[in-house]
PDB file of N, CA and C in Angstrom:
ATOM      1  N   UNK A   1     175.602  62.403  75.966  1.00  0.00           N
ATOM      2  CA  UNK A   1     174.225  61.400  76.350  1.00  0.00           C
ATOM      3  C   UNK A   1     173.812  62.565  78.221  1.00  0.00           C
ATOM      4  N   UNK A   2     174.712  62.783  78.935  1.00  0.00           N
ATOM      5  CA  UNK A   2     174.287  63.482  80.383  1.00  0.00           C
ATOM      6  C   UNK A   2     174.262  64.825  79.830  1.00  0.00           C
ATOM      7  N   UNK A   3     174.632  65.528  78.669  1.00  0.00           N
ATOM      8  CA  UNK A   3     174.078  67.088  78.470  1.00  0.00           C
ATOM      9  C   UNK A   3     172.744  67.127  77.800  1.00  0.00           C
ATOM     10  N   UNK A   4     172.116  65.628  76.995  1.00  0.00           N
ATOM     11  CA  UNK A   4     170.985  65.972  76.857  1.00  0.00           C
ATOM     12  C   UNK A   4     170.088  65.984  77.778  1.00  0.00           C
ATOM     13  N   UNK A   5     170.404  64.404  78.729  1.00  0.00           N
ATOM     14  CA  UNK A   5     169.808  64.461  79.800  1.00  0.00           C
ATOM     15  C   UNK A   5     168.853  65.844  80.848  1.00  0.00           C
ATOM     16  N   UNK A   6     170.052  66.621  80.407  1.00  0.00           N
ATOM     17  CA  UNK A   6     170.321  67.740  81.604  1.00  0.00           C
ATOM     18  C   UNK A   6     169.724  68.597  81.113  1.00  0.00           C
ATOM     19  N   UNK A   7     168.747  68.591  79.731  1.00  0.00           N
ATOM     20  CA  UNK A   7     168.643  69.497  78.541  1.00  0.00           C
ATOM     21  C   UNK A   7     167.513  69.643  79.385  1.00  0.00           C
ATOM     22  N   UNK A   8     166.791  67.946  79.419  1.00  0.00           N
ATOM     23  CA  UNK A   8     165.186  67.683  79.213  1.00  0.00           C
ATOM     24  C   UNK A   8     165.005  68.302  80.691  1.00  0.00           C
ATOM     25  N   UNK A   9     165.605  67.858  81.672  1.00  0.00           N
ATOM     26  CA  UNK A   9     165.483  68.260  83.283  1.00  0.00           C
ATOM     27  C   UNK A   9     165.408  69.750  83.521  1.00  0.00           C
ATOM     28  N   UNK A  10     165.869  70.576  82.571  1.00  0.00           N
ATOM     29  CA  UNK A  10     165.768  71.934  83.099  1.00  0.00           C
ATOM     30  C   UNK A  10     164.702  72.121  82.216  1.00  0.00           C
ATOM     31  N   UNK A  11     164.592  71.903  81.436  1.00  0.00           N
ATOM     32  CA  UNK A  11     163.010  71.692  80.520  1.00  0.00           C
ATOM     33  C   UNK A  11     161.587  71.485  81.552  1.00  0.00           C
ATOM     34  N   UNK A  12     162.138  70.368  82.628  1.00  0.00           N
ATOM     35  CA  UNK A  12     160.447  70.513  83.012  1.00  0.00           C
ATOM     36  C   UNK A  12     160.830  71.553  84.396  1.00  0.00           C
ATOM     37  N   UNK A  13     162.575  71.528  84.692  1.00  0.00           N
ATOM     38  CA  UNK A  13     162.154  72.286  85.488  1.00  0.00           C
ATOM     39  C   UNK A  13     161.254  74.445  85.352  1.00  0.00           C
ATOM     40  N   UNK A  14     161.812  73.934  84.388  1.00  0.00           N
ATOM     41  CA  UNK A  14     161.325  75.750  83.703  1.00  0.00           C
ATOM     42  C   UNK A  14     159.629  75.425  83.436  1.00  0.00           C
ATOM     43  N   UNK A  15     159.545  74.120  83.198  1.00  0.00           N
ATOM     44  CA  UNK A  15     157.887  74.296  83.024  1.00  0.00           C
ATOM     45  C   UNK A  15     157.467  74.735  81.270  1.00  0.00           C
ATOM     46  N   UNK A  16     158.246  74.911  80.349  1.00  0.00           N
ATOM     47  CA  UNK A  16     157.894  75.597  79.052  1.00  0.00           C
ATOM     48  C   UNK A  16     157.248  73.645  78.589  1.00  0.00           C
ATOM     49  N   UNK A  17     156.563  73.965  78.439  1.00  0.00           N
ATOM     50  CA  UNK A  17     155.803  72.982  77.929  1.00  0.00           C
ATOM     51  C   UNK A  17     156.310  72.599  76.345  1.00  0.00           C
ATOM     52  N   UNK A  18     155.690  73.697  75.493  1.00  0.00           N
ATOM     53  CA  UNK A  18     155.601  73.916  74.389  1.00  0.00           C
ATOM     54  C   UNK A  18     157.538  72.733  74.086  1.00  0.00           C
ATOM     55  N   UNK A  19     157.823  73.324  74.834  1.00  0.00           N
ATOM     56  CA  UNK A  19     159.227  72.447  74.631  1.00  0.00           C
ATOM     57  C   UNK A  19     159.746  71.340  75.146  1.00  0.00           C
ATOM     58  N   UNK A  20     158.779  70.589  76.182  1.00  0.00           N
ATOM     59  CA  UNK A  20     159.537  69.822  76.651  1.00  0.00           C
ATOM     60  C   UNK A  20     158.563  68.952  76.128  1.00  0.00           C
ATOM     61  N   UNK A  21     157.057  69.218  75.185  1.00  0.00           N
ATOM     62  CA  UNK A  21     156.404  67.789  74.508  1.00  0.00           C
ATOM     63  C   UNK A  21     157.794  67.683  73.678  1.00  0.00           C
ATOM     64  N   UNK A  22     158.600  68.146  73.097  1.00  0.00           N
ATOM     65  CA  UNK A  22     159.359  67.647  71.850  1.00  0.00           C
ATOM     66  C   UNK A  22     160.028  66.212  72.201  1.00  0.00           C
ATOM     67  N   UNK A  23     160.598  65.840  73.939  1.00  0.00           N
ATOM     68  CA  UNK A  23     161.033  64.790  74.870  1.00  0.00           C
ATOM     69  C   UNK A  23     160.243  63.451  75.185  1.00  0.00           C
ATOM     70  N   UNK A  24     160.411  62.446  74.594  1.00  0.00           N
ATOM     71  CA  UNK A  24     159.768  61.306  75.343  1.00  0.00           C
ATOM     72  C   UNK A  24     159.982  61.251  77.084  1.00  0.00           C
ATOM     73  N   UNK A  25     158.540  60.416  77.308  1.00  0.00           N
ATOM     74  CA  UNK A  25     158.367  60.680  78.985  1.00  0.00           C
ATOM     75  C   UNK A  25     159.751  60.289  79.349  1.00  0.00           C
ATOM     76  N   UNK A  26     159.794  58.848  78.849  1.00  0.00           N
ATOM     77  CA  UNK A  26     160.926  58.313  79.576  1.00  0.00           C
ATOM     78  C   UNK A  26     162.166  58.513  79.214  1.00  0.00           C
ATOM     79  N   UNK A  27     162.909  59.354  79.185  1.00  0.00           N
ATOM     80  CA  UNK A  27     163.820  60.276  78.945  1.00  0.00           C
ATOM     81  C   UNK A  27     164.519  61.487  80.385  1.00  0.00           C
ATOM     82  N   UNK A  28     163.159  61.893  80.868  1.00  0.00           N
ATOM     83  CA  UNK A  28     163.042  62.447  81.844  1.00  0.00           C
ATOM     84  C   UNK A  28     163.119  61.529  83.118  1.00  0.00           C
ATOM     85  N   UNK A  29     162.387  60.218  83.374  1.00  0.00           N
ATOM     86  CA  UNK A  29     162.460  59.356  84.093  1.00  0.00           C
ATOM     87  C   UNK A  29     164.214  58.961  84.004  1.00  0.00           C
ATOM     88  N   UNK A  30     164.425  58.785  83.131  1.00  0.00           N
ATOM     89  CA  UNK A  30     166.414  57.808  83.020  1.00  0.00           C
ATOM     90  C   UNK A  30     166.657  59.215  83.456  1.00  0.00           C
ATOM     91  N   UNK A  31     166.544  60.365  83.506  1.00  0.00           N
ATOM     92  CA  UNK A  31     167.449  61.419  84.034  1.00  0.00           C
ATOM     93  C   UNK A  31     167.298  61.240  85.412  1.00  0.00           C
ATOM     94  N   UNK A  32     165.985  61.025  86.293  1.00  0.00           N
ATOM     95  CA  UNK A  32     165.761  61.398  87.610  1.00  0.00           C
ATOM     96  C   UNK A  32     166.295  60.701  88.180  1.00  0.00           C
ATOM     97  N   UNK A  33     166.535  58.862  86.823  1.00  0.00           N
ATOM     98  CA  UNK A  33     166.822  57.922  87.890  1.00  0.00           C
ATOM     99  C   UNK A  33     168.239  57.643  87.686  1.00  0.00           C
ATOM    100  N   UNK A  34     169.222  58.148  86.761  1.00  0.00           N
ATOM    101  CA  UNK A  34     171.072  58.404  86.169  1.00  0.00           C
ATOM    102  C   UNK A  34     170.703  58.565  87.691  1.00  0.00           C
ATOM    103  N   UNK A  35     170.612  60.310  87.672  1.00  0.00           N
ATOM    104  CA  UNK A  35     170.965  61.284  88.776  1.00  0.00           C
ATOM    105  C   UNK A  35     170.411  60.899  90.544  1.00  0.00           C
ATOM    106  N   UNK A  36     170.064  60.188  90.407  1.00  0.00           N
ATOM    107  CA  UNK A  36     169.211  59.401  92.521  1.00  0.00           C
ATOM    108  C   UNK A  36     168.687  60.794  92.048  1.00  0.00           C
ATOM    109  N   UNK A  37     167.563  60.990  91.251  1.00  0.00           N
ATOM    110  CA  UNK A  37     166.946  62.880  92.163  1.00  0.00           C
ATOM    111  C   UNK A  37     165.749  62.275  92.668  1.00  0.00           C
ATOM    112  N   UNK A  38     165.257  61.556  93.780  1.00  0.00           N
ATOM    113  CA  UNK A  38     164.013  61.039  93.577  1.00  0.00           C
ATOM    114  C   UNK A  38     163.122  62.389  94.001  1.00  0.00           C
ATOM    115  N   UNK A  39     163.418  63.930  94.963  1.00  0.00           N
ATOM    116  CA  UNK A  39     162.085  65.018  94.730  1.00  0.00           C
ATOM    117  C   UNK A  39     162.389  65.225  93.818  1.00  0.00           C
ATOM    118  N   UNK A  40     163.016  65.233  92.833  1.00  0.00           N
ATOM    119  CA  UNK A  40     163.071  65.518  91.188  1.00  0.00           C
ATOM    120  C   UNK A  40     161.498  64.654  90.584  1.00  0.00           C
ATOM    121  N   UNK A  41     161.986  63.208  90.761  1.00  0.00           N
ATOM    122  CA  UNK A  41     160.931  62.249  89.851  1.00  0.00           C
ATOM    123  C   UNK A  41     159.741  62.164  90.483  1.00  0.00           C
ATOM    124  N   UNK A  42     159.818  63.182  92.074  1.00  0.00           N
ATOM    125  CA  UNK A  42     158.106  63.010  92.494  1.00  0.00           C
ATOM    126  C   UNK A  42     157.014  64.364  91.607  1.00  0.00           C
ATOM    127  N   UNK A  43     158.971  65.302  91.819  1.00  0.00           N
ATOM    128  CA  UNK A  43     157.712  66.517  91.216  1.00  0.00           C
ATOM    129  C   UNK A  43     157.064  66.003  89.468  1.00  0.00           C
ATOM    130  N   UNK A  44     158.060  65.233  88.909  1.00  0.00           N
ATOM    131  CA  UNK A  44     157.367  64.842  87.768  1.00  0.00           C
ATOM    132  C   UNK A  44     156.547  63.925  87.637  1.00  0.00           C
ATOM    133  N   UNK A  45     156.337  63.239  88.126  1.00  0.00           N
ATOM    134  CA  UNK A  45     155.781  62.029  88.841  1.00  0.00           C
ATOM    135  C   UNK A  45     153.951  62.446  89.062  1.00  0.00           C
ATOM    136  N   UNK A  46     153.960  63.620  89.917  1.00  0.00           N
ATOM    137  CA  UNK A  46     152.840  63.975  90.749  1.00  0.00           C
ATOM    138  C   UNK A  46     152.207  64.786  88.814  1.00  0.00           C
ATOM    139  N   UNK A  47     153.189  65.722  88.798  1.00  0.00           N
ATOM    140  CA  UNK A  47     152.401  66.454  87.459  1.00  0.00           C
ATOM    141  C   UNK A  47     151.527  65.460  86.511  1.00  0.00           C
ATOM    142  N   UNK A  48     153.008  63.835  86.164  1.00  0.00           N
ATOM    143  CA  UNK A  48     152.351  63.488  85.296  1.00  0.00           C
ATOM    144  C   UNK A  48     150.634  62.744  85.933  1.00  0.00           C
ATOM    145  N   UNK A  49     150.564  62.325  87.100  1.00  0.00           N
ATOM    146  CA  UNK A  49     149.227  62.139  87.160  1.00  0.00           C
ATOM    147  C   UNK A  49     147.972  62.813  87.433  1.00  0.00           C
ATOM    148  N   UNK A  50     148.608  64.730  87.577  1.00  0.00           N
ATOM    149  CA  UNK A  50     147.501  65.327  87.306  1.00  0.00           C
ATOM    150  C   UNK A  50     147.351  65.631  86.109  1.00  0.00           C
ATOM    151  N   UNK A  51     147.649  65.106  85.365  1.00  0.00           N
ATOM    152  CA  UNK A  51     147.849  65.540  83.724  1.00  0.00           C
ATOM    153  C   UNK A  51     146.876  64.256  83.434  1.00  0.00           C
ATOM    154  N   UNK A  52     146.841  63.114  84.038  1.00  0.00           N
ATOM    155  CA  UNK A  52     146.340  62.047  83.505  1.00  0.00           C
ATOM    156  C   UNK A  52     145.114  61.310  84.993  1.00  0.00           C
ATOM    157  N   UNK A  53     144.778  62.331  85.645  1.00  0.00           N
ATOM    158  CA  UNK A  53     144.112  61.387  86.439  1.00  0.00           C
ATOM    159  C   UNK A  53     143.595  60.410  86.438  1.00  0.00           C
ATOM    160  N   UNK A  54     142.861  60.078  85.203  1.00  0.00           N
ATOM    161  CA  UNK A  54     141.919  58.388  85.581  1.00  0.00           C
ATOM    162  C   UNK A  54     142.917  57.400  84.887  1.00  0.00           C
ATOM    163  N   UNK A  55     144.398  57.840  84.839  1.00  0.00           N
ATOM    164  CA  UNK A  55     144.951  56.612  84.597  1.00  0.00           C
ATOM    165  C   UNK A  55     146.098  55.898  85.516  1.00  0.00           C
ATOM    166  N   UNK A  56     145.682  55.230  86.337  1.00  0.00           N
ATOM    167  CA  UNK A  56     145.848  54.270  87.348  1.00  0.00           C
ATOM    168  C   UNK A  56     147.846  53.947  87.355  1.00  0.00           C
ATOM    169  N   UNK A  57     148.350  53.972  86.213  1.00  0.00           N
ATOM    170  CA  UNK A  57     149.608  53.910  85.781  1.00  0.00           C
ATOM    171  C   UNK A  57     150.837  54.652  86.363  1.00  0.00           C
ATOM    172  N   UNK A  58     149.736  55.883  86.369  1.00  0.00           N
ATOM    173  CA  UNK A  58     150.363  57.975  86.642  1.00  0.00           C
ATOM    174  C   UNK A  58     150.460  57.945  88.173  1.00  0.00           C
ATOM    175  N   UNK A  59     149.182  57.301  88.537  1.00  0.00           N
ATOM    176  CA  UNK A  59     149.039  57.657  90.185  1.00  0.00           C
ATOM    177  C   UNK A  59     150.079  56.678  90.780  1.00  0.00           C
ATOM    178  N   UNK A  60     149.839  55.154  90.225  1.00  0.00           N
ATOM    179  CA  UNK A  60     150.920  54.673  90.931  1.00  0.00           C
ATOM    180  C   UNK A  60     152.009  54.726  90.842  1.00  0.00           C
ATOM    181  N   UNK A  61     152.702  55.169  90.094  1.00  0.00           N
ATOM    182  CA  UNK A  61     154.078  55.788  90.013  1.00  0.00           C
ATOM    183  C   UNK A  61     154.955  56.448  90.801  1.00  0.00           C
ATOM    184  N   UNK A  62     152.975  57.570  91.184  1.00  0.00           N
ATOM    185  CA  UNK A  62     153.279  58.993  91.892  1.00  0.00           C
ATOM    186  C   UNK A  62     154.065  57.915  93.477  1.00  0.00           C
ATOM    187  N   UNK A  63     153.247  56.944  93.933  1.00  0.00           N
ATOM    188  CA  UNK A  63     153.662  55.906  94.741  1.00  0.00           C
ATOM    189  C   UNK A  63     154.444  55.610  95.275  1.00  0.00           C
ATOM    190  N   UNK A  64     155.238  55.002  94.090  1.00  0.00           N
ATOM    191  CA  UNK A  64     156.556  54.698  93.512  1.00  0.00           C
ATOM    192  C   UNK A  64     157.471  55.610  93.747  1.00  0.00           C
ATOM    193  N   UNK A  65     157.083  56.617  93.537  1.00  0.00           N
ATOM    194  CA  UNK A  65     158.330  57.887  93.491  1.00  0.00           C
ATOM    195  C   UNK A  65     158.638  58.064  95.345  1.00  0.00           C
ATOM    196  N   UNK A  66     157.388  57.654  96.194  1.00  0.00           N
ATOM    197  CA  UNK A  66     157.261  58.564  97.078  1.00  0.00           C
ATOM    198  C   UNK A  66     158.210  57.787  98.484  1.00  0.00           C
ATOM    199  N   UNK A  67     158.388  56.498  97.923  1.00  0.00           N
ATOM    200  CA  UNK A  67     158.744  55.213  98.449  1.00  0.00           C
ATOM    201  C   UNK A  67     160.167  55.375  98.126  1.00  0.00           C
ATOM    202  N   UNK A  68     160.972  55.768  96.395  1.00  0.00           N
ATOM    203  CA  UNK A  68     161.756  56.024  96.564  1.00  0.00           C
ATOM    204  C   UNK A  68     162.532  57.124  97.605  1.00  0.00           C
ATOM    205  N   UNK A  69     161.796  58.640  97.472  1.00  0.00           N
ATOM    206  CA  UNK A  69     162.394  59.594  97.959  1.00  0.00           C
ATOM    207  C   UNK A  69     162.319  59.626  99.388  1.00  0.00           C
ATOM    208  N   UNK A  70     161.842  57.889  99.780  1.00  0.00           N
ATOM    209  CA  UNK A  70     162.097  57.857 101.049  1.00  0.00           C
ATOM    210  C   UNK A  70     161.084  58.671 102.282  1.00  0.00           C
ATOM    211  N   UNK A  71     159.829  59.293 101.455  1.00  0.00           N
ATOM    212  CA  UNK A  71     158.415  59.789 102.048  1.00  0.00           C
ATOM    213  C   UNK A  71     157.487  58.511 102.302  1.00  0.00           C
ATOM    214  N   UNK A  72     157.953  57.756 103.218  1.00  0.00           N
ATOM    215  CA  UNK A  72     157.566  56.457 103.667  1.00  0.00           C
ATOM    216  C   UNK A  72     155.728  56.737 103.776  1.00  0.00           C
ATOM    217  N   UNK A  73     155.350  57.266 105.471  1.00  0.00           N
ATOM    218  CA  UNK A  73     154.277  57.711 105.472  1.00  0.00           C
ATOM    219  C   UNK A  73     153.345  58.523 104.566  1.00  0.00           C
ATOM    220  N   UNK A  74     153.778  58.902 103.675  1.00  0.00           N
ATOM    221  CA  UNK A  74     153.461  59.888 102.898  1.00  0.00           C
ATOM    222  C   UNK A  74     152.867  58.435 101.485  1.00  0.00           C
ATOM    223  N   UNK A  75     153.683  57.937 101.228  1.00  0.00           N
ATOM    224  CA  UNK A  75     153.737  57.093 100.358  1.00  0.00           C
ATOM    225  C   UNK A  75     152.806  56.026 100.870  1.00  0.00           C
ATOM    226  N   UNK A  76     152.800  55.501 101.987  1.00  0.00           N
ATOM    227  CA  UNK A  76     151.318  54.705 102.503  1.00  0.00           C
ATOM    228  C   UNK A  76     150.214  55.453 102.479  1.00  0.00           C
ATOM    229  N   UNK A  77     150.054  56.461 103.148  1.00  0.00           N
ATOM    230  CA  UNK A  77     148.181  57.000 102.647  1.00  0.00           C
ATOM    231  C   UNK A  77     148.047  56.981 101.437  1.00  0.00           C
ATOM    232  N   UNK A  78     149.071  57.286 100.766  1.00  0.00           N
ATOM    233  CA  UNK A  78     148.633  57.645  99.625  1.00  0.00           C
ATOM    234  C   UNK A  78     148.742  56.595  98.372  1.00  0.00           C
ATOM    235  N   UNK A  79     149.062  55.246  99.027  1.00  0.00           N
ATOM    236  CA  UNK A  79     149.455  54.029  98.000  1.00  0.00           C
ATOM    237  C   UNK A  79     147.717  53.358  99.083  1.00  0.00           C
ATOM    238  N   UNK A  80     147.616  53.488  99.783  1.00  0.00           N
ATOM    239  CA  UNK A  80     146.007  52.350 100.220  1.00  0.00           C
ATOM    240  C   UNK A  80     145.365  53.085 100.047  1.00  0.00           C
ATOM    241  N   UNK A  81     145.179  54.295  99.516  1.00  0.00           N
ATOM    242  CA  UNK A  81     144.297  54.669  99.280  1.00  0.00           C
ATOM    243  C   UNK A  81     143.725  54.150  97.302  1.00  0.00           C
ATOM    244  N   UNK A  82     144.739  53.897  96.938  1.00  0.00           N
ATOM    245  CA  UNK A  82     145.078  53.412  95.077  1.00  0.00           C
ATOM    246  C   UNK A  82     144.915  52.213  95.738  1.00  0.00           C
ATOM    247  N   UNK A  83     144.618  51.517  96.686  1.00  0.00           N
ATOM    248  CA  UNK A  83     145.231  49.970  97.058  1.00  0.00           C
ATOM    249  C   UNK A  83     143.605  49.641  97.511  1.00  0.00           C
ATOM    250  N   UNK A  84     142.537  50.428  97.668  1.00  0.00           N
ATOM    251  CA  UNK A  84     141.458  50.037  98.125  1.00  0.00           C
ATOM    252  C   UNK A  84     140.809  50.377  96.888  1.00  0.00           C
ATOM    253  N   UNK A  85     141.020  51.363  95.500  1.00  0.00           N
ATOM    254  CA  UNK A  85     140.685  51.666  94.411  1.00  0.00           C
ATOM    255  C   UNK A  85     140.629  50.041  92.946  1.00  0.00           C
ATOM    256  N   UNK A  86     142.319  49.512  93.571  1.00  0.00           N
ATOM    257  CA  UNK A  86     142.999  48.288  92.461  1.00  0.00           C
ATOM    258  C   UNK A  86     143.520  47.945  93.837  1.00  0.00           C
ATOM    259  N   UNK A  87     142.707  46.764  94.019  1.00  0.00           N
ATOM    260  CA  UNK A  87     143.010  45.942  95.237  1.00  0.00           C
ATOM    261  C   UNK A  87     144.200  44.396  94.363  1.00  0.00           C
ATOM    262  N   UNK A  88     143.308  44.710  93.273  1.00  0.00           N
ATOM    263  CA  UNK A  88     144.750  43.441  92.789  1.00  0.00           C
ATOM    264  C   UNK A  88     145.991  43.941  91.633  1.00  0.00           C
ATOM    265  N   UNK A  89     146.173  45.544  91.775  1.00  0.00           N
ATOM    266  CA  UNK A  89     147.132  45.779  91.079  1.00  0.00           C
ATOM    267  C   UNK A  89     148.608  45.088  91.510  1.00  0.00           C
ATOM    268  N   UNK A  90     149.514  44.290  91.099  1.00  0.00           N
ATOM    269  CA  UNK A  90     150.471  44.016  91.131  1.00  0.00           C
ATOM    270  C   UNK A  90     151.305  45.260  92.137  1.00  0.00           C
ATOM    271  N   UNK A  91     151.938  46.553  90.593  1.00  0.00           N
ATOM    272  CA  UNK A  91     152.499  47.507  91.203  1.00  0.00           C
ATOM    273  C   UNK A  91     152.249  48.119  92.154  1.00  0.00           C
ATOM    274  N   UNK A  92     150.672  48.533  93.172  1.00  0.00           N
ATOM    275  CA  UNK A  92     150.341  49.104  93.649  1.00  0.00           C
ATOM    276  C   UNK A  92     150.907  48.314  94.954  1.00  0.00           C
ATOM    277  N   UNK A  93     150.253  47.075  95.307  1.00  0.00           N
ATOM    278  CA  UNK A  93     150.700  45.638  95.987  1.00  0.00           C
ATOM    279  C   UNK A  93     152.258  45.761  96.315  1.00  0.00           C
ATOM    280  N   UNK A  94     153.204  45.955  95.399  1.00  0.00           N
ATOM    281  CA  UNK A  94     154.530  45.912  96.069  1.00  0.00           C
ATOM    282  C   UNK A  94     155.266  47.095  96.573  1.00  0.00           C
ATOM    283  N   UNK A  95     154.371  48.733  95.746  1.00  0.00           N
ATOM    284  CA  UNK A  95     155.245  49.411  96.597  1.00  0.00           C
ATOM    285  C   UNK A  95     154.377  49.990  97.749  1.00  0.00           C
ATOM    286  N   UNK A  96     153.573  49.389  98.291  1.00  0.00           N
ATOM    287  CA  UNK A  96     152.270  49.294  98.964  1.00  0.00           C
ATOM    288  C   UNK A  96     153.390  48.459 100.365  1.00  0.00           C
ATOM    289  N   UNK A  97     153.683  47.782 100.258  1.00  0.00           N
ATOM    290  CA  UNK A  97     154.924  46.086 100.954  1.00  0.00           C
ATOM    291  C   UNK A  97     155.889  47.390 101.003  1.00  0.00           C
ATOM    292  N   UNK A  98     156.627  47.422 100.392  1.00  0.00           N
ATOM    293  CA  UNK A  98     158.034  48.609 100.003  1.00  0.00           C
ATOM    294  C   UNK A  98     158.138  49.306 101.428  1.00  0.00           C
ATOM    295  N   UNK A  99     156.541  50.306 100.964  1.00  0.00           N
ATOM    296  CA  UNK A  99     156.556  51.523 101.810  1.00  0.00           C
ATOM    297  C   UNK A  99     156.547  50.846 103.442  1.00  0.00           C
ATOM    298  N   UNK A 100     155.686  50.147 103.906  1.00  0.00           N
ATOM    299  CA  UNK A 100     155.569  49.872 104.638  1.00  0.00           C
ATOM    300  C   UNK A 100     156.303  48.758 105.549  1.00  0.00           C
ATOM    301  N   UNK A 101     157.223  48.255 104.925  1.00  0.00           N
ATOM    302  CA  UNK A 101     158.961  47.411 105.583  1.00  0.00           C
ATOM    303  C   UNK A 101     159.262  48.463 105.432  1.00  0.00           C
ATOM    304  N   UNK A 102     160.059  49.379 104.534  1.00  0.00           N
ATOM    305  CA  UNK A 102     160.616  50.461 104.964  1.00  0.00           C
ATOM    306  C   UNK A 102     160.390  51.200 106.100  1.00  0.00           C
ATOM    307  N   UNK A 103     159.154  52.175 107.000  1.00  0.00           N
ATOM    308  CA  UNK A 103     158.566  52.287 107.450  1.00  0.00           C
ATOM    309  C   UNK A 103     159.357  52.555 108.699  1.00  0.00           C
ATOM    310  N   UNK A 104     159.203  51.137 109.341  1.00  0.00           N
ATOM    311  CA  UNK A 104     160.060  50.830 110.227  1.00  0.00           C
ATOM    312  C   UNK A 104     158.320  50.836 111.484  1.00  0.00           C
ATOM    313  N   UNK A 105     157.551  51.498 111.740  1.00  0.00           N
ATOM    314  CA  UNK A 105     156.226  51.702 111.829  1.00  0.00           C
ATOM    315  C   UNK A 105     155.734  50.504 112.215  1.00  0.00           C
ATOM    316  N   UNK A 106     155.360  50.205 113.490  1.00  0.00           N
ATOM    317  CA  UNK A 106     155.108  49.113 114.430  1.00  0.00           C
ATOM    318  C   UNK A 106     153.603  48.726 113.701  1.00  0.00           C
ATOM    319  N   UNK A 107     152.138  49.756 113.973  1.00  0.00           N
ATOM    320  CA  UNK A 107     151.498  50.170 113.125  1.00  0.00           C
ATOM    321  C   UNK A 107     151.477  49.811 111.923  1.00  0.00           C
ATOM    322  N   UNK A 108     152.476  50.617 110.807  1.00  0.00           N
ATOM    323  CA  UNK A 108     152.519  49.312 109.890  1.00  0.00           C
ATOM    324  C   UNK A 108     152.867  48.393 108.982  1.00  0.00           C
ATOM    325  N   UNK A 109     153.453  47.711 110.424  1.00  0.00           N
ATOM    326  CA  UNK A 109     153.942  46.281 110.393  1.00  0.00           C
ATOM    327  C   UNK A 109     152.873  45.887 110.042  1.00  0.00           C
ATOM    328  N   UNK A 110     151.630  45.694 111.102  1.00  0.00           N
ATOM    329  CA  UNK A 110     150.722  45.199 111.295  1.00  0.00           C
ATOM    330  C   UNK A 110     149.419  45.036 109.608  1.00  0.00           C
ATOM    331  N   UNK A 111     149.498  46.091 109.878  1.00  0.00           N
ATOM    332  CA  UNK A 111     148.698  46.867 107.814  1.00  0.00           C
ATOM    333  C   UNK A 111     150.087  45.563 106.719  1.00  0.00           C
ATOM    334  N   UNK A 112     151.490  45.886 106.919  1.00  0.00           N
ATOM    335  CA  UNK A 112     152.015  44.918 106.622  1.00  0.00           C
ATOM    336  C   UNK A 112     151.242  43.328 106.305  1.00  0.00           C
ATOM    337  N   UNK A 113     151.450  42.848 107.358  1.00  0.00           N
ATOM    338  CA  UNK A 113     151.252  41.830 107.715  1.00  0.00           C
ATOM    339  C   UNK A 113     149.668  41.381 106.779  1.00  0.00           C
ATOM    340  N   UNK A 114     148.974  42.143 106.603  1.00  0.00           N
ATOM    341  CA  UNK A 114     146.725  42.188 106.320  1.00  0.00           C
ATOM    342  C   UNK A 114     147.165  41.907 105.017  1.00  0.00           C
ATOM    343  N   UNK A 115     147.725  43.067 103.981  1.00  0.00           N
ATOM    344  CA  UNK A 115     147.948  43.264 102.831  1.00  0.00           C
ATOM    345  C   UNK A 115     148.711  42.008 102.290  1.00  0.00           C
ATOM    346  N   UNK A 116     149.910  41.314 103.097  1.00  0.00           N
ATOM    347  CA  UNK A 116     150.336  40.148 102.570  1.00  0.00           C
ATOM    348  C   UNK A 116     149.425  39.023 102.212  1.00  0.00           C
ATOM    349  N   UNK A 117     148.548  38.770 103.387  1.00  0.00           N
ATOM    350  CA  UNK A 117     147.658  38.407 103.935  1.00  0.00           C
ATOM    351  C   UNK A 117     146.919  38.039 102.179  1.00  0.00           C
ATOM    352  N   UNK A 118     146.331  39.435 102.157  1.00  0.00           N
ATOM    353  CA  UNK A 118     145.052  39.228 101.456  1.00  0.00           C
ATOM    354  C   UNK A 118     145.747  39.183  99.788  1.00  0.00           C
ATOM    355  N   UNK A 119     147.286  39.595  99.715  1.00  0.00           N
ATOM    356  CA  UNK A 119     148.276  39.575  98.242  1.00  0.00           C
ATOM    357  C   UNK A 119     148.023  37.503  98.070  1.00  0.00           C
ATOM    358  N   UNK A 120     148.079  37.049  99.134  1.00  0.00           N
ATOM    359  CA  UNK A 120     148.661  35.554  98.798  1.00  0.00           C
ATOM    360  C   UNK A 120     147.263  34.756  98.749  1.00  0.00           C
ATOM    361  N   UNK A 121     146.013  35.433  99.476  1.00  0.00           N
ATOM    362  CA  UNK A 121     144.935  34.559  99.161  1.00  0.00           C
ATOM    363  C   UNK A 121     144.354  34.437  97.794  1.00  0.00           C
TER     364      UNK A 121
END
């Protein structure tokens, strides 16, 4: 199993699109989670978000990858924009709250409280 996932990862890194298309998306995601390769996950999800710019799922998943990669300020900026576009999306709400809580920034805590109140309302 590990060799198969590694092959998928190598195809992604090499950007050999014609070969990559033989694999399902979840297989690549599984590799990054299995290896805890959060930077690789960011790169993969960035590519997916660029390929599907009108799909909120792909945009949210990129923001969530920033959180997993501990890029909290970047995640906050990115997810805040998505939150303005789609304030009712629970995935965006939770990822934004995760980023705000993890950042430890006092300003972020004020925003966290505001977002949390809006979600509960």
